Amino acid sequence: MKALLLHLLLSVALTACGLAAYDYLAVRPLRVVGVVDVAEVYRLKEAEFTQLLTQGNSEEDKQRALAMARTFSQRLPAALEELPRECNCLVVLRTSLAGPTPRTLDLTPALRRKVNAP
């Protein structure tokens, strides 16, 4: 009976150690959540586009503004796909969170850099 109890305690202890190690090494790093404010980045780029259109009267300025908008529309989805791989975290919109947590990263500046927003 003592041998059975010893084996049981040893099994429970090893299982507990394995679960603790799994939690520390695998689960906790994945609980980091990156947030992005896509609306802010979009508004900044839209303001830049509008300023370029209103200040420039030439056809060249209009074509440059349209090229900038086209480039932005291509870079934004690609940048949003790259962010989770770079931070190794779940990336969500800022509006989808009720509030910040200690494991929340603001990735909006990284997104602005990727799409060249001011």
PDB file of N, CA and C in Angstrom:
ATOM      1  N   MET A   1       0.822  -1.198   0.000  1.00  0.00           N
ATOM      2  CA  MET A   1       0.000   0.000   0.000  1.00  0.00           C
ATOM      3  C   MET A   1       0.864   1.259   0.000  1.00  0.00           C
ATOM      4  N   LYS A   2       1.987   1.230   0.775  1.00  0.00           N
ATOM      5  CA  LYS A   2       2.877   2.382   0.824  1.00  0.00           C
ATOM      6  C   LYS A   2       3.517   2.629  -0.537  1.00  0.00           C
ATOM      7  N   ALA A   3       3.853   1.566  -1.234  1.00  0.00           N
ATOM      8  CA  ALA A   3       4.472   1.706  -2.555  1.00  0.00           C
ATOM      9  C   ALA A   3       3.488   2.340  -3.536  1.00  0.00           C
ATOM     10  N   LEU A   4       2.236   1.942  -3.485  1.00  0.00           N
ATOM     11  CA  LEU A   4       1.209   2.511  -4.363  1.00  0.00           C
ATOM     12  C   LEU A   4       1.014   3.994  -4.073  1.00  0.00           C
ATOM     13  N   LEU A   5       0.983   4.352  -2.789  1.00  0.00           N
ATOM     14  CA  LEU A   5       0.828   5.749  -2.400  1.00  0.00           C
ATOM     15  C   LEU A   5       2.043   6.567  -2.840  1.00  0.00           C
ATOM     16  N   LEU A   6       3.220   6.002  -2.733  1.00  0.00           N
ATOM     17  CA  LEU A   6       4.441   6.685  -3.171  1.00  0.00           C
ATOM     18  C   LEU A   6       4.424   6.914  -4.682  1.00  0.00           C
ATOM     19  N   HIS A   7       4.014   5.921  -5.450  1.00  0.00           N
ATOM     20  CA  HIS A   7       3.912   6.060  -6.912  1.00  0.00           C
ATOM     21  C   HIS A   7       2.868   7.110  -7.277  1.00  0.00           C
ATOM     22  N   LEU A   8       1.770   7.114  -6.563  1.00  0.00           N
ATOM     23  CA  LEU A   8       0.716   8.097  -6.824  1.00  0.00           C
ATOM     24  C   LEU A   8       1.217   9.511  -6.551  1.00  0.00           C
ATOM     25  N   LEU A   9       1.867   9.722  -5.436  1.00  0.00           N
ATOM     26  CA  LEU A   9       2.405  11.039  -5.101  1.00  0.00           C
ATOM     27  C   LEU A   9       3.473  11.475  -6.086  1.00  0.00           C
ATOM     28  N   LEU A  10       4.321  10.537  -6.502  1.00  0.00           N
ATOM     29  CA  LEU A  10       5.355  10.853  -7.487  1.00  0.00           C
ATOM     30  C   LEU A  10       4.722  11.228  -8.828  1.00  0.00           C
ATOM     31  N   SER A  11       3.696  10.524  -9.242  1.00  0.00           N
ATOM     32  CA  SER A  11       2.999  10.836 -10.503  1.00  0.00           C
ATOM     33  C   SER A  11       2.340  12.203 -10.439  1.00  0.00           C
ATOM     34  N   VAL A  12       1.697  12.495  -9.321  1.00  0.00           N
ATOM     35  CA  VAL A  12       1.049  13.803  -9.164  1.00  0.00           C
ATOM     36  C   VAL A  12       2.085  14.915  -9.178  1.00  0.00           C
ATOM     37  N   ALA A  13       3.204  14.722  -8.498  1.00  0.00           N
ATOM     38  CA  ALA A  13       4.250  15.744  -8.455  1.00  0.00           C
ATOM     39  C   ALA A  13       4.857  15.974  -9.834  1.00  0.00           C
ATOM     40  N   LEU A  14       5.135  14.913 -10.566  1.00  0.00           N
ATOM     41  CA  LEU A  14       5.696  15.062 -11.919  1.00  0.00           C
ATOM     42  C   LEU A  14       4.704  15.731 -12.859  1.00  0.00           C
ATOM     43  N   THR A  15       3.439  15.370 -12.765  1.00  0.00           N
ATOM     44  CA  THR A  15       2.417  15.993 -13.604  1.00  0.00           C
ATOM     45  C   THR A  15       2.288  17.473 -13.281  1.00  0.00           C
ATOM     46  N   ALA A  16       2.297  17.819 -12.001  1.00  0.00           N
ATOM     47  CA  ALA A  16       2.205  19.226 -11.596  1.00  0.00           C
ATOM     48  C   ALA A  16       3.406  20.019 -12.103  1.00  0.00           C
ATOM     49  N   CYS A  17       4.588  19.445 -12.009  1.00  0.00           N
ATOM     50  CA  CYS A  17       5.786  20.122 -12.521  1.00  0.00           C
ATOM     51  C   CYS A  17       5.713  20.303 -14.035  1.00  0.00           C
ATOM     52  N   GLY A  18       5.244  19.287 -14.729  1.00  0.00           N
ATOM     53  CA  GLY A  18       5.107  19.389 -16.183  1.00  0.00           C
ATOM     54  C   GLY A  18       4.098  20.445 -16.587  1.00  0.00           C
ATOM     55  N   LEU A  19       2.967  20.506 -15.906  1.00  0.00           N
ATOM     56  CA  LEU A  19       1.955  21.528 -16.213  1.00  0.00           C
ATOM     57  C   LEU A  19       2.453  22.928 -15.885  1.00  0.00           C
ATOM     58  N   ALA A  20       3.172  23.070 -14.787  1.00  0.00           N
ATOM     59  CA  ALA A  20       3.725  24.382 -14.434  1.00  0.00           C
ATOM     60  C   ALA A  20       4.735  24.841 -15.478  1.00  0.00           C
ATOM     61  N   ALA A  21       5.592  23.931 -15.926  1.00  0.00           N
ATOM     62  CA  ALA A  21       6.571  24.278 -16.961  1.00  0.00           C
ATOM     63  C   ALA A  21       5.884  24.635 -18.272  1.00  0.00           C
ATOM     64  N   TYR A  22       4.849  23.894 -18.645  1.00  0.00           N
ATOM     65  CA  TYR A  22       4.101  24.188 -19.868  1.00  0.00           C
ATOM     66  C   TYR A  22       3.444  25.556 -19.780  1.00  0.00           C
ATOM     67  N   ASP A  23       2.857  25.867 -18.632  1.00  0.00           N
ATOM     68  CA  ASP A  23       2.219  27.165 -18.448  1.00  0.00           C
ATOM     69  C   ASP A  23       3.243  28.288 -18.550  1.00  0.00           C
ATOM     70  N   TYR A  24       4.383  28.116 -17.930  1.00  0.00           N
ATOM     71  CA  TYR A  24       5.409  29.155 -17.912  1.00  0.00           C
ATOM     72  C   TYR A  24       6.061  29.340 -19.278  1.00  0.00           C
ATOM     73  N   LEU A  25       6.326  28.249 -19.994  1.00  0.00           N
ATOM     74  CA  LEU A  25       7.065  28.325 -21.249  1.00  0.00           C
ATOM     75  C   LEU A  25       6.196  28.478 -22.494  1.00  0.00           C
ATOM     76  N   ALA A  26       4.988  27.940 -22.460  1.00  0.00           N
ATOM     77  CA  ALA A  26       4.174  27.931 -23.679  1.00  0.00           C
ATOM     78  C   ALA A  26       2.940  28.814 -23.597  1.00  0.00           C
ATOM     79  N   VAL A  27       2.205  28.763 -22.514  1.00  0.00           N
ATOM     80  CA  VAL A  27       0.918  29.456 -22.463  1.00  0.00           C
ATOM     81  C   VAL A  27       1.067  30.933 -22.145  1.00  0.00           C
ATOM     82  N   ARG A  28       1.850  31.277 -21.156  1.00  0.00           N
ATOM     83  CA  ARG A  28       1.960  32.683 -20.748  1.00  0.00           C
ATOM     84  C   ARG A  28       2.502  33.588 -21.844  1.00  0.00           C
ATOM     85  N   PRO A  29       3.516  33.196 -22.599  1.00  0.00           N
ATOM     86  CA  PRO A  29       3.957  34.090 -23.680  1.00  0.00           C
ATOM     87  C   PRO A  29       2.871  34.335 -24.725  1.00  0.00           C
ATOM     88  N   LEU A  30       1.973  33.389 -24.920  1.00  0.00           N
ATOM     89  CA  LEU A  30       0.918  33.569 -25.910  1.00  0.00           C
ATOM     90  C   LEU A  30      -0.216  34.449 -25.411  1.00  0.00           C
ATOM     91  N   ARG A  31      -0.234  34.755 -24.130  1.00  0.00           N
ATOM     92  CA  ARG A  31      -1.292  35.605 -23.596  1.00  0.00           C
ATOM     93  C   ARG A  31      -1.021  37.079 -23.829  1.00  0.00           C
ATOM     94  N   VAL A  32       0.091  37.422 -24.445  1.00  0.00           N
ATOM     95  CA  VAL A  32       0.375  38.814 -24.780  1.00  0.00           C
ATOM     96  C   VAL A  32      -0.532  39.211 -25.936  1.00  0.00           C
ATOM     97  N   VAL A  33      -1.172  40.365 -25.798  1.00  0.00           N
ATOM     98  CA  VAL A  33      -2.099  40.846 -26.812  1.00  0.00           C
ATOM     99  C   VAL A  33      -1.575  42.176 -27.336  1.00  0.00           C
ATOM    100  N   GLY A  34      -1.420  42.254 -28.633  1.00  0.00           N
ATOM    101  CA  GLY A  34      -1.034  43.499 -29.273  1.00  0.00           C
ATOM    102  C   GLY A  34      -2.275  44.204 -29.789  1.00  0.00           C
ATOM    103  N   VAL A  35      -2.357  45.505 -29.561  1.00  0.00           N
ATOM    104  CA  VAL A  35      -3.506  46.274 -30.031  1.00  0.00           C
ATOM    105  C   VAL A  35      -3.036  47.304 -31.054  1.00  0.00           C
ATOM    106  N   VAL A  36      -3.847  47.510 -32.051  1.00  0.00           N
ATOM    107  CA  VAL A  36      -3.574  48.532 -33.062  1.00  0.00           C
ATOM    108  C   VAL A  36      -4.805  49.399 -33.231  1.00  0.00           C
ATOM    109  N   ASP A  37      -4.555  50.669 -33.434  1.00  0.00           N
ATOM    110  CA  ASP A  37      -5.637  51.615 -33.714  1.00  0.00           C
ATOM    111  C   ASP A  37      -5.584  51.928 -35.207  1.00  0.00           C
ATOM    112  N   VAL A  38      -6.232  51.083 -35.982  1.00  0.00           N
ATOM    113  CA  VAL A  38      -6.220  51.224 -37.434  1.00  0.00           C
ATOM    114  C   VAL A  38      -6.912  52.518 -37.852  1.00  0.00           C
ATOM    115  N   ALA A  39      -7.943  52.913 -37.119  1.00  0.00           N
ATOM    116  CA  ALA A  39      -8.666  54.144 -37.449  1.00  0.00           C
ATOM    117  C   ALA A  39      -7.752  55.360 -37.334  1.00  0.00           C
ATOM    118  N   GLU A  40      -6.896  55.392 -36.320  1.00  0.00           N
ATOM    119  CA  GLU A  40      -5.964  56.502 -36.162  1.00  0.00           C
ATOM    120  C   GLU A  40      -4.979  56.556 -37.331  1.00  0.00           C
ATOM    121  N   VAL A  41      -4.430  55.417 -37.693  1.00  0.00           N
ATOM    122  CA  VAL A  41      -3.482  55.367 -38.814  1.00  0.00           C
ATOM    123  C   VAL A  41      -4.178  55.790 -40.106  1.00  0.00           C
ATOM    124  N   TYR A  42      -5.405  55.331 -40.285  1.00  0.00           N
ATOM    125  CA  TYR A  42      -6.158  55.687 -41.489  1.00  0.00           C
ATOM    126  C   TYR A  42      -6.436  57.187 -41.518  1.00  0.00           C
ATOM    127  N   ARG A  43      -6.833  57.763 -40.369  1.00  0.00           N
ATOM    128  CA  ARG A  43      -7.117  59.209 -40.316  1.00  0.00           C
ATOM    129  C   ARG A  43      -5.865  60.026 -40.618  1.00  0.00           C
ATOM    130  N   LEU A  44      -4.713  59.606 -40.087  1.00  0.00           N
ATOM    131  CA  LEU A  44      -3.474  60.328 -40.359  1.00  0.00           C
ATOM    132  C   LEU A  44      -3.128  60.301 -41.844  1.00  0.00           C
ATOM    133  N   LYS A  45      -3.271  59.140 -42.439  1.00  0.00           N
ATOM    134  CA  LYS A  45      -2.947  59.024 -43.863  1.00  0.00           C
ATOM    135  C   LYS A  45      -3.958  59.779 -44.708  1.00  0.00           C
ATOM    136  N   GLU A  46      -5.213  59.758 -44.288  1.00  0.00           N
ATOM    137  CA  GLU A  46      -6.254  60.496 -45.013  1.00  0.00           C
ATOM    138  C   GLU A  46      -6.000  61.999 -44.945  1.00  0.00           C
ATOM    139  N   ALA A  47      -5.556  62.493 -43.795  1.00  0.00           N
ATOM    140  CA  ALA A  47      -5.232  63.914 -43.656  1.00  0.00           C
ATOM    141  C   ALA A  47      -4.051  64.284 -44.554  1.00  0.00           C
ATOM    142  N   GLU A  48      -3.061  63.410 -44.613  1.00  0.00           N
ATOM    143  CA  GLU A  48      -1.913  63.659 -45.496  1.00  0.00           C
ATOM    144  C   GLU A  48      -2.350  63.674 -46.961  1.00  0.00           C
ATOM    145  N   PHE A  49      -3.210  62.742 -47.323  1.00  0.00           N
ATOM    146  CA  PHE A  49      -3.729  62.681 -48.689  1.00  0.00           C
ATOM    147  C   PHE A  49      -4.529  63.936 -49.031  1.00  0.00           C
ATOM    148  N   THR A  50      -5.385  64.358 -48.117  1.00  0.00           N
ATOM    149  CA  THR A  50      -6.217  65.547 -48.342  1.00  0.00           C
ATOM    150  C   THR A  50      -5.360  66.796 -48.455  1.00  0.00           C
ATOM    151  N   GLN A  51      -4.354  66.904 -47.606  1.00  0.00           N
ATOM    152  CA  GLN A  51      -3.463  68.058 -47.656  1.00  0.00           C
ATOM    153  C   GLN A  51      -2.715  68.104 -48.982  1.00  0.00           C
ATOM    154  N   LEU A  52      -2.268  66.975 -49.449  1.00  0.00           N
ATOM    155  CA  LEU A  52      -1.557  66.923 -50.723  1.00  0.00           C
ATOM    156  C   LEU A  52      -2.468  67.310 -51.880  1.00  0.00           C
ATOM    157  N   LEU A  53      -3.722  66.881 -51.822  1.00  0.00           N
ATOM    158  CA  LEU A  53      -4.668  67.227 -52.889  1.00  0.00           C
ATOM    159  C   LEU A  53      -5.054  68.696 -52.873  1.00  0.00           C
ATOM    160  N   THR A  54      -5.252  69.259 -51.680  1.00  0.00           N
ATOM    161  CA  THR A  54      -5.711  70.645 -51.602  1.00  0.00           C
ATOM    162  C   THR A  54      -4.589  71.648 -51.845  1.00  0.00           C
ATOM    163  N   GLN A  55      -3.360  71.305 -51.483  1.00  0.00           N
ATOM    164  CA  GLN A  55      -2.254  72.240 -51.692  1.00  0.00           C
ATOM    165  C   GLN A  55      -1.740  72.223 -53.119  1.00  0.00           C
ATOM    166  N   GLY A  56      -1.784  71.082 -53.742  1.00  0.00           N
ATOM    167  CA  GLY A  56      -1.267  70.986 -55.098  1.00  0.00           C
ATOM    168  C   GLY A  56      -2.378  71.158 -56.120  1.00  0.00           C
ATOM    169  N   ASN A  57      -2.119  71.997 -57.094  1.00  0.00           N
ATOM    170  CA  ASN A  57      -3.111  72.225 -58.143  1.00  0.00           C
ATOM    171  C   ASN A  57      -2.745  71.535 -59.444  1.00  0.00           C
ATOM    172  N   SER A  58      -1.532  71.050 -59.534  1.00  0.00           N
ATOM    173  CA  SER A  58      -1.098  70.454 -60.791  1.00  0.00           C
ATOM    174  C   SER A  58      -1.565  69.005 -60.893  1.00  0.00           C
ATOM    175  N   GLU A  59      -1.555  68.519 -62.091  1.00  0.00           N
ATOM    176  CA  GLU A  59      -1.939  67.126 -62.343  1.00  0.00           C
ATOM    177  C   GLU A  59      -0.918  66.172 -61.720  1.00  0.00           C
ATOM    178  N   GLU A  60       0.335  66.617 -61.668  1.00  0.00           N
ATOM    179  CA  GLU A  60       1.384  65.786 -61.072  1.00  0.00           C
ATOM    180  C   GLU A  60       1.130  65.569 -59.576  1.00  0.00           C
ATOM    181  N   ASP A  61       0.683  66.623 -58.884  1.00  0.00           N
ATOM    182  CA  ASP A  61       0.373  66.492 -57.454  1.00  0.00           C
ATOM    183  C   ASP A  61      -0.798  65.544 -57.233  1.00  0.00           C
ATOM    184  N   LYS A  62      -1.784  65.607 -58.095  1.00  0.00           N
ATOM    185  CA  LYS A  62      -2.941  64.712 -57.978  1.00  0.00           C
ATOM    186  C   LYS A  62      -2.532  63.262 -58.224  1.00  0.00           C
ATOM    187  N   GLN A  63      -1.668  63.057 -59.216  1.00  0.00           N
ATOM    188  CA  GLN A  63      -1.198  61.700 -59.501  1.00  0.00           C
ATOM    189  C   GLN A  63      -0.339  61.164 -58.351  1.00  0.00           C
ATOM    190  N   ARG A  64       0.465  62.037 -57.746  1.00  0.00           N
ATOM    191  CA  ARG A  64       1.284  61.635 -56.604  1.00  0.00           C
ATOM    192  C   ARG A  64       0.392  61.263 -55.405  1.00  0.00           C
ATOM    193  N   ALA A  65      -0.672  62.034 -55.201  1.00  0.00           N
ATOM    194  CA  ALA A  65      -1.606  61.735 -54.113  1.00  0.00           C
ATOM    195  C   ALA A  65      -2.309  60.409 -54.360  1.00  0.00           C
ATOM    196  N   LEU A  66      -2.713  60.153 -55.584  1.00  0.00           N
ATOM    197  CA  LEU A  66      -3.376  58.884 -55.903  1.00  0.00           C
ATOM    198  C   LEU A  66      -2.407  57.707 -55.763  1.00  0.00           C
ATOM    199  N   ALA A  67      -1.164  57.910 -56.152  1.00  0.00           N
ATOM    200  CA  ALA A  67      -0.157  56.852 -55.990  1.00  0.00           C
ATOM    201  C   ALA A  67       0.095  56.575 -54.512  1.00  0.00           C
ATOM    202  N   MET A  68       0.103  57.640 -53.703  1.00  0.00           N
ATOM    203  CA  MET A  68       0.290  57.467 -52.271  1.00  0.00           C
ATOM    204  C   MET A  68      -0.879  56.677 -51.668  1.00  0.00           C
ATOM    205  N   ALA A  69      -2.091  57.001 -52.086  1.00  0.00           N
ATOM    206  CA  ALA A  69      -3.271  56.284 -51.584  1.00  0.00           C
ATOM    207  C   ALA A  69      -3.243  54.822 -52.031  1.00  0.00           C
ATOM    208  N   ARG A  70      -2.834  54.573 -53.242  1.00  0.00           N
ATOM    209  CA  ARG A  70      -2.759  53.207 -53.744  1.00  0.00           C
ATOM    210  C   ARG A  70      -1.715  52.393 -52.973  1.00  0.00           C
ATOM    211  N   THR A  71      -0.567  53.011 -52.736  1.00  0.00           N
ATOM    212  CA  THR A  71       0.493  52.347 -51.972  1.00  0.00           C
ATOM    213  C   THR A  71       0.027  52.041 -50.550  1.00  0.00           C
ATOM    214  N   PHE A  72      -0.665  53.005 -49.935  1.00  0.00           N
ATOM    215  CA  PHE A  72      -1.182  52.800 -48.581  1.00  0.00           C
ATOM    216  C   PHE A  72      -2.179  51.654 -48.552  1.00  0.00           C
ATOM    217  N   SER A  73      -3.056  51.600 -49.545  1.00  0.00           N
ATOM    218  CA  SER A  73      -4.073  50.538 -49.561  1.00  0.00           C
ATOM    219  C   SER A  73      -3.441  49.156 -49.749  1.00  0.00           C
ATOM    220  N   GLN A  74      -2.259  49.092 -50.333  1.00  0.00           N
ATOM    221  CA  GLN A  74      -1.561  47.815 -50.482  1.00  0.00           C
ATOM    222  C   GLN A  74      -0.723  47.484 -49.255  1.00  0.00           C
ATOM    223  N   ARG A  75      -0.140  48.495 -48.631  1.00  0.00           N
ATOM    224  CA  ARG A  75       0.737  48.259 -47.484  1.00  0.00           C
ATOM    225  C   ARG A  75      -0.025  47.932 -46.208  1.00  0.00           C
ATOM    226  N   LEU A  76      -1.208  48.517 -46.026  1.00  0.00           N
ATOM    227  CA  LEU A  76      -1.943  48.331 -44.776  1.00  0.00           C
ATOM    228  C   LEU A  76      -2.277  46.868 -44.503  1.00  0.00           C
ATOM    229  N   PRO A  77      -2.891  46.133 -45.440  1.00  0.00           N
ATOM    230  CA  PRO A  77      -3.171  44.715 -45.143  1.00  0.00           C
ATOM    231  C   PRO A  77      -1.901  43.894 -44.922  1.00  0.00           C
ATOM    232  N   ALA A  78      -0.854  44.186 -45.690  1.00  0.00           N
ATOM    233  CA  ALA A  78       0.403  43.450 -45.520  1.00  0.00           C
ATOM    234  C   ALA A  78       1.014  43.740 -44.151  1.00  0.00           C
ATOM    235  N   ALA A  79       0.961  44.990 -43.715  1.00  0.00           N
ATOM    236  CA  ALA A  79       1.511  45.352 -42.409  1.00  0.00           C
ATOM    237  C   ALA A  79       0.715  44.702 -41.286  1.00  0.00           C
ATOM    238  N   LEU A  80      -0.598  44.642 -41.437  1.00  0.00           N
ATOM    239  CA  LEU A  80      -1.432  44.004 -40.416  1.00  0.00           C
ATOM    240  C   LEU A  80      -1.158  42.503 -40.330  1.00  0.00           C
ATOM    241  N   GLU A  81      -0.785  41.887 -41.432  1.00  0.00           N
ATOM    242  CA  GLU A  81      -0.436  40.464 -41.416  1.00  0.00           C
ATOM    243  C   GLU A  81       0.938  40.221 -40.793  1.00  0.00           C
ATOM    244  N   GLU A  82       1.855  41.187 -40.940  1.00  0.00           N
ATOM    245  CA  GLU A  82       3.206  41.024 -40.411  1.00  0.00           C
ATOM    246  C   GLU A  82       3.275  41.201 -38.896  1.00  0.00           C
ATOM    247  N   LEU A  83       2.423  42.048 -38.339  1.00  0.00           N
ATOM    248  CA  LEU A  83       2.513  42.370 -36.913  1.00  0.00           C
ATOM    249  C   LEU A  83       2.442  41.148 -35.995  1.00  0.00           C
ATOM    250  N   PRO A  84       1.502  40.215 -36.178  1.00  0.00           N
ATOM    251  CA  PRO A  84       1.476  39.055 -35.267  1.00  0.00           C
ATOM    252  C   PRO A  84       2.735  38.202 -35.332  1.00  0.00           C
ATOM    253  N   ARG A  85       3.323  38.101 -36.519  1.00  0.00           N
ATOM    254  CA  ARG A  85       4.550  37.315 -36.642  1.00  0.00           C
ATOM    255  C   ARG A  85       5.715  38.007 -35.944  1.00  0.00           C
ATOM    256  N   GLU A  86       5.768  39.320 -36.023  1.00  0.00           N
ATOM    257  CA  GLU A  86       6.877  40.058 -35.430  1.00  0.00           C
ATOM    258  C   GLU A  86       6.817  40.080 -33.906  1.00  0.00           C
ATOM    259  N   CYS A  87       5.620  40.262 -33.356  1.00  0.00           N
ATOM    260  CA  CYS A  87       5.522  40.342 -31.894  1.00  0.00           C
ATOM    261  C   CYS A  87       5.221  38.991 -31.260  1.00  0.00           C
ATOM    262  N   ASN A  88       4.935  37.990 -32.078  1.00  0.00           N
ATOM    263  CA  ASN A  88       4.575  36.657 -31.584  1.00  0.00           C
ATOM    264  C   ASN A  88       3.430  36.754 -30.583  1.00  0.00           C
ATOM    265  N   CYS A  89       2.399  37.488 -30.969  1.00  0.00           N
ATOM    266  CA  CYS A  89       1.268  37.696 -30.085  1.00  0.00           C
ATOM    267  C   CYS A  89      -0.011  37.806 -30.916  1.00  0.00           C
ATOM    268  N   LEU A  90      -1.113  37.792 -30.230  1.00  0.00           N
ATOM    269  CA  LEU A  90      -2.410  38.009 -30.853  1.00  0.00           C
ATOM    270  C   LEU A  90      -2.570  39.506 -31.069  1.00  0.00           C
ATOM    271  N   VAL A  91      -2.976  39.919 -32.262  1.00  0.00           N
ATOM    272  CA  VAL A  91      -3.162  41.338 -32.559  1.00  0.00           C
ATOM    273  C   VAL A  91      -4.644  41.581 -32.802  1.00  0.00           C
ATOM    274  N   VAL A  92      -5.201  42.553 -32.066  1.00  0.00           N
ATOM    275  CA  VAL A  92      -6.610  42.901 -32.192  1.00  0.00           C
ATOM    276  C   VAL A  92      -6.744  44.412 -32.326  1.00  0.00           C
ATOM    277  N   LEU A  93      -7.924  44.836 -32.744  1.00  0.00           N
ATOM    278  CA  LEU A  93      -8.202  46.258 -32.829  1.00  0.00           C
ATOM    279  C   LEU A  93      -8.358  46.839 -31.432  1.00  0.00           C
ATOM    280  N   ARG A  94      -7.936  48.064 -31.259  1.00  0.00           N
ATOM    281  CA  ARG A  94      -8.025  48.710 -29.948  1.00  0.00           C
ATOM    282  C   ARG A  94      -9.471  48.791 -29.473  1.00  0.00           C
ATOM    283  N   THR A  95     -10.394  48.967 -30.383  1.00  0.00           N
ATOM    284  CA  THR A  95     -11.803  49.095 -29.988  1.00  0.00           C
ATOM    285  C   THR A  95     -12.395  47.784 -29.501  1.00  0.00           C
ATOM    286  N   SER A  96     -11.722  46.674 -29.732  1.00  0.00           N
ATOM    287  CA  SER A  96     -12.258  45.384 -29.300  1.00  0.00           C
ATOM    288  C   SER A  96     -11.893  45.041 -27.858  1.00  0.00           C
ATOM    289  N   LEU A  97     -11.049  45.864 -27.220  1.00  0.00           N
ATOM    290  CA  LEU A  97     -10.669  45.630 -25.824  1.00  0.00           C
ATOM    291  C   LEU A  97     -11.408  46.602 -24.919  1.00  0.00           C
ATOM    292  N   ALA A  98     -11.820  46.108 -23.761  1.00  0.00           N
ATOM    293  CA  ALA A  98     -12.501  46.970 -22.792  1.00  0.00           C
ATOM    294  C   ALA A  98     -11.516  47.890 -22.081  1.00  0.00           C
ATOM    295  N   GLY A  99     -10.284  47.433 -21.921  1.00  0.00           N
ATOM    296  CA  GLY A  99      -9.285  48.246 -21.245  1.00  0.00           C
ATOM    297  C   GLY A  99      -7.924  47.604 -21.349  1.00  0.00           C
ATOM    298  N   PRO A 100      -6.881  48.365 -21.064  1.00  0.00           N
ATOM    299  CA  PRO A 100      -5.522  47.817 -21.147  1.00  0.00           C
ATOM    300  C   PRO A 100      -5.227  46.860 -19.993  1.00  0.00           C
ATOM    301  N   THR A 101      -4.337  45.935 -20.264  1.00  0.00           N
ATOM    302  CA  THR A 101      -3.877  44.992 -19.248  1.00  0.00           C
ATOM    303  C   THR A 101      -2.359  45.049 -19.198  1.00  0.00           C
ATOM    304  N   PRO A 102      -1.741  44.453 -18.185  1.00  0.00           N
ATOM    305  CA  PRO A 102      -0.270  44.452 -18.143  1.00  0.00           C
ATOM    306  C   PRO A 102       0.367  43.714 -19.318  1.00  0.00           C
ATOM    307  N   ARG A 103      -0.370  42.831 -19.953  1.00  0.00           N
ATOM    308  CA  ARG A 103       0.177  42.065 -21.079  1.00  0.00           C
ATOM    309  C   ARG A 103      -0.304  42.608 -22.430  1.00  0.00           C
ATOM    310  N   THR A 104      -0.664  43.878 -22.476  1.00  0.00           N
ATOM    311  CA  THR A 104      -1.130  44.503 -23.702  1.00  0.00           C
ATOM    312  C   THR A 104      -0.021  45.377 -24.282  1.00  0.00           C
ATOM    313  N   LEU A 105       0.265  45.179 -25.556  1.00  0.00           N
ATOM    314  CA  LEU A 105       1.271  45.982 -26.258  1.00  0.00           C
ATOM    315  C   LEU A 105       0.578  46.879 -27.270  1.00  0.00           C
ATOM    316  N   ASP A 106       0.949  48.149 -27.310  1.00  0.00           N
ATOM    317  CA  ASP A 106       0.408  49.051 -28.315  1.00  0.00           C
ATOM    318  C   ASP A 106       1.294  48.973 -29.552  1.00  0.00           C
ATOM    319  N   LEU A 107       0.759  48.402 -30.618  1.00  0.00           N
ATOM    320  CA  LEU A 107       1.516  48.218 -31.853  1.00  0.00           C
ATOM    321  C   LEU A 107       1.179  49.275 -32.905  1.00  0.00           C
ATOM    322  N   THR A 108       0.419  50.304 -32.513  1.00  0.00           N
ATOM    323  CA  THR A 108       0.046  51.352 -33.462  1.00  0.00           C
ATOM    324  C   THR A 108       1.265  52.081 -34.022  1.00  0.00           C
ATOM    325  N   PRO A 109       2.266  52.446 -33.205  1.00  0.00           N
ATOM    326  CA  PRO A 109       3.454  53.100 -33.795  1.00  0.00           C
ATOM    327  C   PRO A 109       4.175  52.209 -34.809  1.00  0.00           C
ATOM    328  N   ALA A 110       4.221  50.922 -34.562  1.00  0.00           N
ATOM    329  CA  ALA A 110       4.854  50.005 -35.528  1.00  0.00           C
ATOM    330  C   ALA A 110       4.054  49.974 -36.819  1.00  0.00           C
ATOM    331  N   LEU A 111       2.735  49.989 -36.715  1.00  0.00           N
ATOM    332  CA  LEU A 111       1.903  49.996 -37.916  1.00  0.00           C
ATOM    333  C   LEU A 111       2.089  51.296 -38.687  1.00  0.00           C
ATOM    334  N   ARG A 112       2.175  52.421 -37.968  1.00  0.00           N
ATOM    335  CA  ARG A 112       2.391  53.701 -38.658  1.00  0.00           C
ATOM    336  C   ARG A 112       3.712  53.690 -39.414  1.00  0.00           C
ATOM    337  N   ARG A 113       4.762  53.142 -38.802  1.00  0.00           N
ATOM    338  CA  ARG A 113       6.060  53.068 -39.487  1.00  0.00           C
ATOM    339  C   ARG A 113       5.978  52.200 -40.738  1.00  0.00           C
ATOM    340  N   LYS A 114       5.239  51.105 -40.652  1.00  0.00           N
ATOM    341  CA  LYS A 114       5.156  50.182 -41.783  1.00  0.00           C
ATOM    342  C   LYS A 114       4.435  50.791 -42.972  1.00  0.00           C
ATOM    343  N   VAL A 115       3.446  51.643 -42.721  1.00  0.00           N
ATOM    344  CA  VAL A 115       2.685  52.223 -43.826  1.00  0.00           C
ATOM    345  C   VAL A 115       3.088  53.670 -44.105  1.00  0.00           C
ATOM    346  N   ASN A 116       4.163  54.119 -43.439  1.00  0.00           N
ATOM    347  CA  ASN A 116       4.693  55.472 -43.627  1.00  0.00           C
ATOM    348  C   ASN A 116       3.663  56.548 -43.324  1.00  0.00           C
ATOM    349  N   ALA A 117       2.904  56.358 -42.272  1.00  0.00           N
ATOM    350  CA  ALA A 117       1.944  57.383 -41.851  1.00  0.00           C
ATOM    351  C   ALA A 117       2.678  58.367 -40.946  1.00  0.00           C
ATOM    352  N   PRO A 118       2.291  59.629 -40.972  1.00  0.00           N
ATOM    353  CA  PRO A 118       2.984  60.642 -40.143  1.00  0.00           C
ATOM    354  C   PRO A 118       2.776  60.427 -38.662  1.00  0.00           C
TER     355      PRO A 118
END
